[in-house]
């Protein structure tokens, strides 16, 4: 039996032994999962394959059902025929067997036909279905994937201020296929949050499960299990009174529940000790103590002010541009500073933000080109990476919740044409740029605040929220050493899909939110002309609430830009 925080860790109430008084309430389940960090990188491109897999399994299951029904129909017909025959034979056995044909057929049935029927009954019709299941099982999601999907829902809940009832009923903006969560689903979300020691979300979802059960929903989940998790989660958040109330509710349903009985004794012991301590304090101190006793922690420990700003921008709140600054934003037809390809056919360009200057190009990539890029990328989509600023090596990062692929210009004329278009419209040399990176953000997909330069800066608790830098600063000379092309001077980002809800690109330092629009691209410089990093370009991809987000980006490097974007004498201009 494992222990933690002075209390035994039990897998079920039946296995819990009585505790010594004052040793702490008993926690459910194993704590081993707490040390694990699940990185769930969803991609709609890959999850559509799971839909097809499930459809194939359903077809196989229906074939199995038909085979079983056919088998039973044969047995039924044989039984009905034999029922009539035996009914006649048993009324006059001697007379019936007096007919030589009946005597022969009785011998034949018992010697041959019953054996054939036995073989039919024993025939396993499930071989095809089981074989298909075995083949397809290798593509099934595992426990970590399920945990990741649950955490994606919790991420969406936090980012977009969604209450549990709204999520449970599936009342989300822009949904085409409405779905709802059962009490069992809510319980599972709460249980997964519990294994992550996220008692805030445990309480929210266990309360939702309890509400749906109280409303009469039929479920295999028992109220005692819900109350068991809920009471402990509430206790962990400092609300002892509520924890006692929930524990008593549990004991009304199951008076013999060992863990609940032990926890109730512990809660009563703690409250009695507090009352004794309160007798020697002043009334003011007593009030303060009561308030602190019932004060709840609320959001997770790593919920920083920066995250609050990020989430507000994801919801379209908190943009700080003044009317005067808004008047400085224009839309125009742009010819790439006189580029021959665009003099007669300029492209549409509009200002998204002034400082840093972010521009959007409209109708800049066609549906056909998008389809080609996605077709090339889908087979290679893998967990997204970032550049390690110390070693310069590409590594995976848990804060990048997406799948990505890299495409070279020599692979397809379409990619080559896209690269040329970026060069013509930015005026920058893309021969030293990185390959075109294609990313697909699925359920809850996001890319938390980062720069396209610099080093990883750990602002999180437990590795949950880590804004990072991708372009090299002065103290990181080796960040892109392997590439040998200098720092990332600029970013070009294509939006290759519309998103029903969520999925904005936000710049927390300046309060800008740029929303996905299929066929457009946004562009900004990461470095000042002096080569210094522009820290106002720190940006993040918000989680996709409803829909599917495809983007592709081109990171353009310093080498080759010496005469295209000359260095200035001012450090930050």
Protein backbone atom coordinates (compact mmCIF):
# COMPACT_ATOMS: atom_id res chain seq x y z
CA UNK A 1 0.00 0.00 0.00
CA UNK A 2 1.48 3.31 -1.08
CA UNK A 3 1.44 6.33 1.15
CA UNK A 4 1.53 10.06 0.52
CA UNK A 5 0.98 13.16 2.64
CA UNK A 6 0.67 10.89 5.68
CA UNK A 7 -2.32 9.00 4.35
CA UNK A 8 -2.73 5.57 2.83
CA UNK A 9 -3.50 5.46 -0.88
CA UNK A 10 -6.26 2.98 -1.60
CA UNK A 11 -7.60 1.67 -4.87
CA UNK A 12 -11.07 0.95 -3.50
CA UNK A 13 -13.07 1.38 -0.33
CA UNK A 14 -13.07 -2.35 0.31
CA UNK A 15 -9.28 -2.44 0.48
CA UNK A 16 -8.98 0.46 2.92
CA UNK A 17 -7.91 -0.40 6.45
CA UNK A 18 -9.02 1.84 9.35
CA UNK A 19 -6.59 4.70 9.85
CA UNK A 20 -5.21 6.08 13.08
CA UNK A 21 -6.95 9.27 14.06
CA UNK A 22 -5.22 12.37 12.74
CA UNK A 23 -3.24 10.59 10.05
CA UNK A 24 -5.04 12.44 7.26
CA UNK A 25 -7.92 11.59 4.92
CA UNK A 26 -7.54 8.65 2.59
CA UNK A 27 -6.92 9.43 -1.05
CA UNK A 28 -8.44 7.33 -3.81
CA UNK A 29 -6.43 5.59 -6.46
CA UNK A 30 -2.72 5.42 -7.11
CA UNK A 31 -0.49 8.45 -7.04
CA UNK A 32 1.92 6.94 -9.54
CA UNK A 33 0.25 8.77 -12.41
CA UNK A 34 1.11 12.13 -10.89
CA UNK A 35 4.73 11.85 -11.92
CA UNK A 36 3.85 11.27 -15.55
CA UNK A 37 3.57 14.06 -18.07
CA UNK A 38 1.24 13.23 -20.93
CA UNK A 39 1.94 14.93 -24.24
CA UNK A 40 -1.14 14.60 -26.38
CA UNK A 41 -0.73 16.00 -29.86
CA UNK A 42 -4.01 15.73 -31.67
CA UNK A 43 -4.35 16.14 -35.38
CA UNK A 44 -7.71 16.15 -37.13
CA UNK A 45 -5.89 14.83 -40.19
CA UNK A 46 -5.00 11.68 -38.25
CA UNK A 47 -8.16 11.49 -36.19
CA UNK A 48 -10.24 11.27 -39.38
CA UNK A 49 -8.43 7.96 -39.95
CA UNK A 50 -9.80 6.79 -36.59
CA UNK A 51 -13.32 7.67 -37.76
CA UNK A 52 -12.77 5.48 -40.83
CA UNK A 53 -11.31 2.73 -38.64
CA UNK A 54 -14.38 2.79 -36.41
CA UNK A 55 -16.65 2.73 -39.48
CA UNK A 56 -14.80 -0.32 -40.78
CA UNK A 57 -15.14 -2.05 -37.41
CA UNK A 58 -18.86 -1.29 -37.34
CA UNK A 59 -19.26 -2.83 -40.80
CA UNK A 60 -17.38 -5.90 -39.59
CA UNK A 61 -19.57 -6.05 -36.46
CA UNK A 62 -22.74 -5.90 -38.57
CA UNK A 63 -21.42 -8.74 -40.76
CA UNK A 64 -20.84 -10.77 -37.60
CA UNK A 65 -24.36 -10.04 -36.37
CA UNK A 66 -25.81 -11.14 -39.74
CA UNK A 67 -23.79 -14.36 -39.62
CA UNK A 68 -25.01 -15.09 -36.09
CA UNK A 69 -28.59 -14.34 -37.09
CA UNK A 70 -28.28 -16.63 -40.13
CA UNK A 71 -26.88 -19.36 -37.94
CA UNK A 72 -29.68 -18.98 -35.38
CA UNK A 73 -32.26 -18.96 -38.19
CA UNK A 74 -30.96 -22.32 -39.43
CA UNK A 75 -31.08 -23.77 -35.92
CA UNK A 76 -34.58 -22.38 -35.42
CA UNK A 77 -35.91 -23.94 -38.66
CA UNK A 78 -34.38 -27.32 -37.77
CA UNK A 79 -35.92 -27.15 -34.29
CA UNK A 80 -39.37 -26.23 -35.68
CA UNK A 81 -39.28 -29.11 -38.18
CA UNK A 82 -38.16 -31.56 -35.50
CA UNK A 83 -40.78 -30.24 -33.08
CA UNK A 84 -43.58 -31.28 -35.45
CA UNK A 85 -41.99 -34.65 -36.12
CA UNK A 86 -41.40 -35.57 -32.46
CA UNK A 87 -44.87 -34.38 -31.52
CA UNK A 88 -46.36 -36.92 -33.94
CA UNK A 89 -43.91 -39.67 -33.01
CA UNK A 90 -44.43 -39.44 -29.24
CA UNK A 91 -48.22 -39.84 -29.54
CA UNK A 92 -47.86 -43.34 -31.06
CA UNK A 93 -44.22 -44.44 -30.89
CA UNK A 94 -44.78 -48.03 -32.00
CA UNK A 95 -47.06 -47.10 -34.85
CA UNK A 96 -44.66 -44.36 -35.95
CA UNK A 97 -41.67 -46.70 -35.98
CA UNK A 98 -43.73 -49.37 -37.74
CA UNK A 99 -43.07 -47.42 -40.89
CA UNK A 100 -39.60 -48.47 -42.15
CA UNK A 101 -38.82 -44.99 -43.51
CA UNK A 102 -39.45 -43.41 -40.10
CA UNK A 103 -37.18 -45.99 -38.47
CA UNK A 104 -34.40 -45.26 -40.97
CA UNK A 105 -34.75 -41.47 -40.60
CA UNK A 106 -34.59 -41.73 -36.78
CA UNK A 107 -31.31 -43.61 -37.06
CA UNK A 108 -30.01 -41.07 -39.56
CA UNK A 109 -31.01 -38.05 -37.45
CA UNK A 110 -29.43 -39.30 -34.27
CA UNK A 111 -26.29 -40.59 -35.94
CA UNK A 112 -25.67 -37.81 -38.48
CA UNK A 113 -27.98 -34.82 -38.33
CA UNK A 114 -27.66 -34.09 -34.61
CA UNK A 115 -23.88 -34.18 -35.01
CA UNK A 116 -24.19 -31.67 -37.88
CA UNK A 117 -26.38 -29.47 -35.69
CA UNK A 118 -23.83 -29.69 -32.91
CA UNK A 119 -21.12 -28.53 -35.32
CA UNK A 120 -23.34 -25.64 -36.42
CA UNK A 121 -23.97 -24.57 -32.82
CA UNK A 122 -20.25 -24.78 -32.04
CA UNK A 123 -19.24 -22.89 -35.21
CA UNK A 124 -17.61 -19.57 -34.26
CA UNK A 125 -19.00 -16.82 -36.46
CA UNK A 126 -16.81 -14.16 -34.83
CA UNK A 127 -13.53 -15.09 -36.54
CA UNK A 128 -13.77 -12.34 -39.14
CA UNK A 129 -14.71 -9.67 -36.63
CA UNK A 130 -12.04 -10.67 -34.11
CA UNK A 131 -9.42 -10.82 -36.85
CA UNK A 132 -10.34 -7.32 -38.01
CA UNK A 133 -10.30 -6.06 -34.41
CA UNK A 134 -6.81 -7.50 -33.94
CA UNK A 135 -5.53 -5.76 -37.07
CA UNK A 136 -7.15 -2.41 -36.27
CA UNK A 137 -6.24 -2.41 -32.58
CA UNK A 138 -2.69 -1.28 -33.38
CA UNK A 139 -4.16 2.06 -34.52
CA UNK A 140 -6.35 2.54 -31.44
CA UNK A 141 -5.63 5.41 -29.05
CA UNK A 142 -4.16 4.41 -25.69
CA UNK A 143 -4.64 5.62 -22.13
CA UNK A 144 -2.30 8.56 -22.66
CA UNK A 145 -4.28 9.65 -25.72
CA UNK A 146 -7.51 9.50 -23.74
CA UNK A 147 -5.89 11.53 -20.96
CA UNK A 148 -4.68 14.05 -23.52
CA UNK A 149 -8.15 14.40 -25.04
CA UNK A 150 -9.61 14.97 -21.58
CA UNK A 151 -6.99 17.59 -20.76
CA UNK A 152 -7.77 19.29 -24.08
CA UNK A 153 -11.39 19.68 -22.94
CA UNK A 154 -10.23 21.12 -19.63
CA UNK A 155 -7.93 23.50 -21.51
CA UNK A 156 -10.85 24.69 -23.63
CA UNK A 157 -13.00 25.09 -20.54
CA UNK A 158 -10.42 27.38 -18.92
CA UNK A 159 -9.46 29.37 -21.99
CA UNK A 160 -13.01 30.15 -23.12
CA UNK A 161 -14.65 30.42 -19.68
CA UNK A 162 -17.04 27.53 -20.32
CA UNK A 163 -19.03 26.08 -17.46
CA UNK A 164 -19.36 22.32 -17.12
CA UNK A 165 -23.07 22.32 -18.00
CA UNK A 166 -22.41 24.15 -21.28
CA UNK A 167 -19.71 21.67 -22.25
CA UNK A 168 -21.77 18.70 -21.08
CA UNK A 169 -24.73 19.76 -23.22
CA UNK A 170 -22.47 20.46 -26.18
CA UNK A 171 -23.70 24.04 -26.50
CA UNK A 172 -20.65 25.40 -28.32
CA UNK A 173 -20.61 28.11 -31.00
CA UNK A 174 -20.44 26.99 -34.61
CA UNK A 175 -20.96 23.26 -34.01
CA UNK A 176 -22.33 21.19 -36.89
CA UNK A 177 -22.71 17.90 -35.05
CA UNK A 178 -23.96 18.50 -31.53
CA UNK A 179 -22.92 15.99 -28.91
CA UNK A 180 -23.31 15.72 -25.15
CA UNK A 181 -21.45 14.21 -22.22
CA UNK A 182 -23.04 11.49 -20.11
CA UNK A 183 -22.62 11.30 -16.36
CA UNK A 184 -20.03 8.61 -17.03
CA UNK A 185 -18.14 10.95 -19.35
CA UNK A 186 -18.19 13.72 -16.73
CA UNK A 187 -16.98 11.25 -14.12
CA UNK A 188 -14.10 10.21 -16.38
CA UNK A 189 -13.05 13.84 -16.92
CA UNK A 190 -13.09 14.38 -13.18
CA UNK A 191 -11.15 11.18 -12.57
CA UNK A 192 -8.44 12.14 -15.07
CA UNK A 193 -8.15 15.58 -13.49
CA UNK A 194 -7.85 13.82 -10.13
CA UNK A 195 -4.94 11.65 -11.30
CA UNK A 196 -3.20 14.87 -12.32
CA UNK A 197 -3.80 16.31 -8.81
CA UNK A 198 -6.01 18.94 -10.48
CA UNK A 199 -8.63 19.10 -7.74
CA UNK A 200 -10.21 22.26 -9.13
CA UNK A 201 -11.40 20.48 -12.29
CA UNK A 202 -12.06 17.29 -10.34
CA UNK A 203 -14.63 19.15 -8.26
CA UNK A 204 -16.24 20.82 -11.30
CA UNK A 205 -16.73 17.60 -13.24
CA UNK A 206 -17.67 15.36 -10.32
CA UNK A 207 -20.34 17.92 -9.39
CA UNK A 208 -21.61 17.84 -12.97
CA UNK A 209 -21.73 14.03 -12.91
CA UNK A 210 -23.62 14.16 -9.61
CA UNK A 211 -26.06 16.73 -10.99
CA UNK A 212 -26.86 14.57 -14.00
CA UNK A 213 -27.34 11.51 -11.80
CA UNK A 214 -29.61 13.50 -9.47
CA UNK A 215 -31.60 14.57 -12.54
CA UNK A 216 -32.39 10.92 -13.21
CA UNK A 217 -29.83 9.98 -15.86
CA UNK A 218 -29.35 6.22 -16.04
CA UNK A 219 -25.67 5.38 -15.69
CA UNK A 220 -23.34 2.60 -14.61
CA UNK A 221 -21.56 5.16 -12.43
CA UNK A 222 -22.66 5.05 -8.81
CA UNK A 223 -23.22 8.18 -6.74
CA UNK A 224 -20.99 6.77 -4.02
CA UNK A 225 -18.02 6.74 -6.41
CA UNK A 226 -18.70 10.32 -7.48
CA UNK A 227 -19.06 11.52 -3.88
CA UNK A 228 -15.89 9.67 -2.92
CA UNK A 229 -13.78 11.62 -5.43
CA UNK A 230 -15.69 14.85 -4.90
CA UNK A 231 -15.31 14.97 -1.12
CA UNK A 232 -11.56 14.47 -1.30
CA UNK A 233 -11.13 17.05 -4.07
CA UNK A 234 -13.09 19.59 -2.02
CA UNK A 235 -11.00 18.81 1.06
CA UNK A 236 -7.80 19.34 -0.93
CA UNK A 237 -9.04 22.82 -1.84
CA UNK A 238 -9.52 23.77 1.80
CA UNK A 239 -13.30 23.52 2.18
CA UNK A 240 -13.54 21.20 5.19
CA UNK A 241 -17.23 21.91 5.88
CA UNK A 242 -18.26 20.91 2.36
CA UNK A 243 -16.00 17.87 2.45
CA UNK A 244 -17.77 16.71 5.63
CA UNK A 245 -21.19 17.31 4.11
CA UNK A 246 -20.34 15.28 0.99
CA UNK A 247 -18.82 12.49 3.08
CA UNK A 248 -22.01 12.27 5.14
CA UNK A 249 -24.06 12.08 1.92
CA UNK A 250 -21.86 9.19 0.82
CA UNK A 251 -22.39 7.38 4.12
CA UNK A 252 -26.16 7.79 3.83
CA UNK A 253 -25.92 5.77 0.61
CA UNK A 254 -23.30 3.32 1.89
CA UNK A 255 -22.99 3.31 5.70
CA UNK A 256 -20.26 0.64 5.54
CA UNK A 257 -17.94 2.61 3.22
CA UNK A 258 -14.61 2.21 5.03
CA UNK A 259 -12.75 5.13 3.48
CA UNK A 260 -15.65 7.53 4.00
CA UNK A 261 -16.02 6.46 7.65
CA UNK A 262 -12.32 6.97 8.22
CA UNK A 263 -12.29 10.34 6.49
CA UNK A 264 -15.34 11.53 8.44
CA UNK A 265 -13.59 10.74 11.71
CA UNK A 266 -10.53 12.60 10.52
CA UNK A 267 -12.57 15.66 9.46
CA UNK A 268 -14.36 15.71 12.81
CA UNK A 269 -11.03 15.43 14.60
CA UNK A 270 -9.57 18.36 12.64
CA UNK A 271 -12.65 20.51 13.25
CA UNK A 272 -12.55 19.77 16.99
CA UNK A 273 -8.88 20.75 17.11
CA UNK A 274 -9.69 23.98 15.28
CA UNK A 275 -12.50 24.79 17.70
CA UNK A 276 -10.16 24.29 20.63
CA UNK A 277 -7.60 26.56 19.01
CA UNK A 278 -10.25 29.17 18.27
CA UNK A 279 -11.19 29.45 21.94
CA UNK A 280 -7.87 31.15 22.67
CA UNK A 281 -8.08 33.61 19.79
CA UNK A 282 -9.89 36.92 19.42
CA UNK A 283 -13.13 37.17 17.47
CA UNK A 284 -11.30 38.84 14.58
CA UNK A 285 -8.69 36.13 14.50
CA UNK A 286 -11.45 33.55 14.65
CA UNK A 287 -13.20 35.07 11.66
CA UNK A 288 -9.95 35.13 9.71
CA UNK A 289 -9.33 31.50 10.60
CA UNK A 290 -12.81 30.46 9.44
CA UNK A 291 -12.38 32.32 6.19
CA UNK A 292 -8.99 30.76 5.56
CA UNK A 293 -10.36 27.34 6.43
CA UNK A 294 -13.09 27.56 3.80
CA UNK A 295 -11.10 29.50 1.24
CA UNK A 296 -10.76 27.60 -2.02
CA UNK A 297 -7.70 27.46 -4.19
CA UNK A 298 -9.64 27.78 -7.42
CA UNK A 299 -7.58 27.52 -10.60
CA UNK A 300 -4.43 25.46 -10.86
CA UNK A 301 -1.20 26.62 -9.25
CA UNK A 302 0.33 27.60 -12.58
CA UNK A 303 -2.48 29.99 -13.48
CA UNK A 304 -0.30 33.07 -13.95
CA UNK A 305 -1.34 36.63 -14.86
CA UNK A 306 0.31 36.03 -18.22
CA UNK A 307 -1.99 33.11 -18.86
CA UNK A 308 -4.99 35.25 -17.91
CA UNK A 309 -3.93 37.83 -20.52
CA UNK A 310 -3.40 35.09 -23.09
CA UNK A 311 -6.83 33.57 -22.45
CA UNK A 312 -8.56 36.95 -22.63
CA UNK A 313 -7.02 37.55 -26.03
CA UNK A 314 -8.12 34.08 -27.15
CA UNK A 315 -11.68 35.10 -26.27
CA UNK A 316 -11.32 38.35 -28.19
CA UNK A 317 -11.08 40.45 -25.05
CA UNK A 318 -8.52 42.93 -23.84
CA UNK A 319 -7.29 44.39 -27.15
CA UNK A 320 -5.76 47.73 -26.18
CA UNK A 321 -5.43 49.60 -29.49
CA UNK A 322 -6.74 53.19 -29.24
CA UNK A 323 -9.03 54.74 -31.89
CA UNK A 324 -6.14 57.00 -32.95
CA UNK A 325 -3.93 53.98 -33.61
CA UNK A 326 -6.76 52.18 -35.40
CA UNK A 327 -6.97 55.08 -37.86
CA UNK A 328 -3.37 54.39 -38.85
CA UNK A 329 -4.31 50.92 -40.13
CA UNK A 330 -5.09 50.70 -43.86
CA UNK A 331 -5.87 48.20 -46.58
CA UNK A 332 -4.24 48.45 -50.00
CA UNK A 333 -3.31 46.72 -53.22
CA UNK A 334 0.32 45.70 -52.89
CA UNK A 335 2.75 44.98 -55.75
CA UNK A 336 5.71 43.77 -53.69
CA UNK A 337 7.51 47.11 -53.99
CA UNK A 338 7.36 47.02 -57.76
CA UNK A 339 7.93 43.29 -58.24
CA UNK A 340 7.33 42.51 -61.95
CA UNK A 341 5.02 39.60 -61.10
CA UNK A 342 2.61 41.86 -59.19
CA UNK A 343 2.71 45.21 -61.01
CA UNK A 344 -0.27 44.29 -63.21
CA UNK A 345 -1.88 41.99 -60.64
CA UNK A 346 -1.25 43.34 -57.13
CA UNK A 347 -2.44 41.42 -54.09
CA UNK A 348 -4.78 42.62 -51.35
CA UNK A 349 -3.00 43.58 -48.15
CA UNK A 350 -4.33 44.99 -44.89
CA UNK A 351 -2.73 46.10 -41.64
CA UNK A 352 -3.56 43.94 -38.63
CA UNK A 353 -1.41 45.78 -36.08
CA UNK A 354 0.94 48.74 -35.99
CA UNK A 355 3.63 47.92 -33.39
CA UNK A 356 4.86 45.35 -34.17
CA UNK A 357 3.71 45.78 -37.74
CA UNK A 358 1.62 42.76 -38.71
CA UNK A 359 0.12 42.67 -42.21
CA UNK A 360 -2.34 40.22 -43.70
CA UNK A 361 -2.38 39.17 -47.36
CA UNK A 362 -5.82 38.14 -48.63
CA UNK A 363 -6.55 35.45 -51.24
CA UNK A 364 -2.86 34.67 -51.27
CA UNK A 365 -3.10 30.87 -51.49
CA UNK A 366 -5.71 29.01 -53.54
CA UNK A 367 -7.91 26.12 -52.44
CA UNK A 368 -6.10 23.89 -54.91
CA UNK A 369 -2.71 24.83 -53.46
CA UNK A 370 -4.01 24.26 -49.93
CA UNK A 371 -5.27 20.81 -50.93
CA UNK A 372 -1.87 19.93 -52.38
CA UNK A 373 0.01 21.14 -49.29
CA UNK A 374 -2.27 19.13 -47.00
CA UNK A 375 -2.00 16.04 -49.20
CA UNK A 376 1.79 16.21 -49.07
CA UNK A 377 1.86 16.88 -45.35
CA UNK A 378 -0.67 14.37 -44.02
CA UNK A 379 1.50 11.23 -44.35
CA UNK A 380 4.31 12.95 -42.43
CA UNK A 381 2.41 14.74 -39.69
CA UNK A 382 4.17 14.12 -36.44
CA UNK A 383 4.53 15.72 -33.07
CA UNK A 384 5.55 19.36 -33.48
CA UNK A 385 9.07 20.47 -32.57
CA UNK A 386 10.91 23.60 -31.49
CA UNK A 387 14.58 24.49 -31.72
CA UNK A 388 16.62 23.98 -28.56
CA UNK A 389 18.44 27.30 -28.14
CA UNK A 390 21.36 25.68 -26.32
CA UNK A 391 22.10 22.83 -28.73
CA UNK A 392 20.31 24.09 -31.84
CA UNK A 393 18.64 20.68 -32.21
CA UNK A 394 14.92 20.37 -32.91
CA UNK A 395 13.06 18.92 -29.93
CA UNK A 396 9.47 18.18 -29.01
CA UNK A 397 7.75 20.55 -26.57
CA UNK A 398 4.65 19.72 -24.52
CA UNK A 399 3.29 23.26 -24.87
CA UNK A 400 3.01 22.83 -28.64
CA UNK A 401 -0.22 20.89 -29.03
CA UNK A 402 -0.21 20.12 -32.74
CA UNK A 403 1.25 17.88 -35.40
CA UNK A 404 3.52 19.22 -38.09
CA UNK A 405 5.39 18.27 -41.24
CA UNK A 406 8.12 19.96 -43.28
CA UNK A 407 7.91 20.39 -47.07
CA UNK A 408 10.74 21.31 -49.43
CA UNK A 409 10.41 23.26 -52.66
CA UNK A 410 11.96 20.48 -54.74
CA UNK A 411 9.18 18.06 -53.74
CA UNK A 412 6.41 19.80 -55.64
CA UNK A 413 6.02 22.71 -58.07
CA UNK A 414 3.28 23.99 -55.76
CA UNK A 415 5.66 24.31 -52.80
CA UNK A 416 8.28 25.93 -55.03
CA UNK A 417 5.67 28.40 -56.30
CA UNK A 418 4.59 29.24 -52.74
CA UNK A 419 8.21 29.87 -51.71
CA UNK A 420 8.69 32.19 -54.69
CA UNK A 421 5.52 34.07 -53.81
CA UNK A 422 6.75 34.64 -50.24
CA UNK A 423 10.07 35.94 -51.56
CA UNK A 424 8.42 38.27 -54.07
CA UNK A 425 6.01 39.81 -51.55
CA UNK A 426 8.41 40.14 -48.60
CA UNK A 427 11.43 41.16 -50.65
CA UNK A 428 13.48 38.70 -48.60
CA UNK A 429 15.67 35.86 -49.84
CA UNK A 430 14.00 32.54 -48.96
CA UNK A 431 16.92 30.38 -50.14
CA UNK A 432 18.24 30.47 -46.55
CA UNK A 433 14.77 30.07 -44.99
CA UNK A 434 13.59 26.91 -43.29
CA UNK A 435 11.35 24.51 -45.17
CA UNK A 436 7.63 25.18 -45.23
CA UNK A 437 6.22 23.85 -41.97
CA UNK A 438 2.64 22.58 -42.06
CA UNK A 439 0.78 22.23 -38.75
CA UNK A 440 -2.61 20.80 -37.89
CA UNK A 441 -4.23 21.76 -34.59
CA UNK A 442 -6.96 19.36 -33.56
CA UNK A 443 -9.06 19.16 -30.38
CA UNK A 444 -7.78 21.82 -28.01
CA UNK A 445 -4.77 22.35 -30.27
CA UNK A 446 -2.61 25.29 -29.28
CA UNK A 447 0.91 26.73 -29.27
CA UNK A 448 1.49 28.69 -26.10
CA UNK A 449 3.18 32.13 -25.96
CA UNK A 450 6.62 32.15 -27.59
CA UNK A 451 8.95 34.20 -29.73
CA UNK A 452 10.25 33.02 -33.08
CA UNK A 453 13.67 33.45 -31.49
CA UNK A 454 15.40 32.91 -28.15
CA UNK A 455 15.53 30.34 -25.41
CA UNK A 456 13.01 28.35 -23.44
CA UNK A 457 11.89 30.27 -20.36
CA UNK A 458 10.17 28.16 -17.71
CA UNK A 459 7.26 30.13 -16.28
CA UNK A 460 5.20 27.10 -15.33
CA UNK A 461 4.62 24.88 -12.35
CA UNK A 462 4.92 21.19 -13.09
CA UNK A 463 5.81 21.83 -16.73
CA UNK A 464 2.34 23.00 -17.64
CA UNK A 465 2.89 26.49 -19.03
CA UNK A 466 6.25 27.34 -20.54
CA UNK A 467 6.45 30.38 -22.86
CA UNK A 468 9.57 30.03 -24.92
CA UNK A 469 11.78 31.80 -27.44
CA UNK A 470 12.80 30.43 -30.83
CA UNK A 471 15.17 33.13 -32.11
CA UNK A 472 18.62 33.40 -30.64
CA UNK A 473 19.55 36.15 -28.26
CA UNK A 474 23.07 37.43 -27.67
CA UNK A 475 23.73 34.89 -24.95
CA UNK A 476 22.56 32.04 -27.21
CA UNK A 477 24.93 32.07 -30.19
CA UNK A 478 24.40 28.40 -31.02
CA UNK A 479 20.60 28.34 -31.26
CA UNK A 480 20.61 27.93 -35.08
CA UNK A 481 24.22 26.88 -35.44
CA UNK A 482 23.34 23.73 -37.37
CA UNK A 483 21.46 25.74 -40.00
CA UNK A 484 24.25 28.26 -40.47
CA UNK A 485 21.81 30.89 -41.70
CA UNK A 486 21.66 33.25 -38.76
CA UNK A 487 18.63 34.18 -36.71
CA UNK A 488 14.98 34.08 -37.76
CA UNK A 489 14.43 37.55 -39.14
CA UNK A 490 10.75 37.20 -40.10
CA UNK A 491 7.70 34.90 -39.99
CA UNK A 492 5.18 34.24 -42.78
CA UNK A 493 2.07 32.35 -41.65
CA UNK A 494 -0.57 30.89 -44.00
CA UNK A 495 -4.08 30.13 -42.71
CA UNK A 496 -5.27 27.11 -44.69
CA UNK A 497 -8.66 26.64 -43.04
CA UNK A 498 -11.43 28.58 -41.40
CA UNK A 499 -12.03 27.77 -37.74
CA UNK A 500 -15.57 27.73 -36.38
CA UNK A 501 -14.52 28.93 -32.93
CA UNK A 502 -11.16 29.68 -31.31
CA UNK A 503 -7.76 29.18 -32.90
CA UNK A 504 -6.60 32.82 -32.97
CA UNK A 505 -2.96 33.86 -33.10
CA UNK A 506 -2.45 36.27 -30.22
CA UNK A 507 0.36 38.61 -29.19
CA UNK A 508 0.08 39.00 -25.38
CA UNK A 509 2.72 41.72 -25.09
CA UNK A 510 0.71 44.15 -27.23
CA UNK A 511 -2.83 42.77 -26.94
CA UNK A 512 -3.31 41.76 -30.57
CA UNK A 513 -5.54 38.91 -31.75
CA UNK A 514 -5.28 37.69 -35.35
CA UNK A 515 -8.07 35.35 -36.40
CA UNK A 516 -7.77 32.50 -38.91
CA UNK A 517 -9.21 33.10 -42.36
CA UNK A 518 -8.71 30.53 -45.07
CA UNK A 519 -6.59 31.64 -48.00
CA UNK A 520 -4.86 34.48 -46.12
CA UNK A 521 -1.39 34.91 -44.67
CA UNK A 522 0.11 37.19 -42.03
CA UNK A 523 3.67 38.49 -41.96
CA UNK A 524 5.83 40.22 -39.37
CA UNK A 525 9.49 40.83 -38.58
CA UNK A 526 10.94 39.10 -35.51
CA UNK A 527 14.09 41.24 -35.51
CA UNK A 528 14.69 44.96 -35.75
CA UNK A 529 16.89 46.04 -38.69
CA UNK A 530 19.74 46.16 -36.17
CA UNK A 531 19.38 42.42 -35.61
CA UNK A 532 18.03 42.81 -32.08
CA UNK A 533 14.98 40.71 -31.21
CA UNK A 534 11.60 42.44 -31.14
CA UNK A 535 10.09 41.13 -27.93
CA UNK A 536 6.67 42.54 -28.77
CA UNK A 537 6.33 39.73 -31.35
CA UNK A 538 5.83 37.15 -28.63
CA UNK A 539 2.81 35.20 -29.83
CA UNK A 540 0.72 32.09 -29.25
CA UNK A 541 -1.83 29.91 -30.99
CA UNK A 542 -5.08 29.70 -29.04
CA UNK A 543 -6.75 26.31 -28.63
CA UNK A 544 -9.26 25.33 -31.28
CA UNK A 545 -12.68 25.29 -29.62
CA UNK A 546 -14.73 24.02 -32.57
CA UNK A 547 -13.36 23.02 -35.93
CA UNK A 548 -10.03 22.16 -37.47
CA UNK A 549 -7.06 24.46 -37.94
CA UNK A 550 -4.47 24.05 -40.68
CA UNK A 551 -1.58 26.51 -40.96
CA UNK A 552 1.77 26.58 -42.69
CA UNK A 553 4.62 28.91 -41.94
CA UNK A 554 7.94 29.99 -43.36
CA UNK A 555 10.71 31.12 -41.02
CA UNK A 556 13.01 33.43 -42.94
CA UNK A 557 16.61 33.77 -41.72
CA UNK A 558 19.15 36.60 -41.70
CA UNK A 559 21.61 35.25 -44.25
CA UNK A 560 20.97 36.67 -47.70
CA UNK A 561 19.08 39.71 -46.41
CA UNK A 562 22.14 41.99 -46.06
CA UNK A 563 21.16 44.15 -49.05
CA UNK A 564 17.43 43.40 -48.96
CA UNK A 565 16.99 44.70 -45.42
CA UNK A 566 20.12 46.65 -44.48
CA UNK A 567 21.12 46.94 -40.84
CA UNK A 568 20.19 50.23 -39.14
CA UNK A 569 22.34 52.30 -36.80
CA UNK A 570 19.61 52.36 -34.14
CA UNK A 571 19.39 49.30 -31.91
CA UNK A 572 15.59 49.13 -31.68
CA UNK A 573 14.41 50.68 -34.95
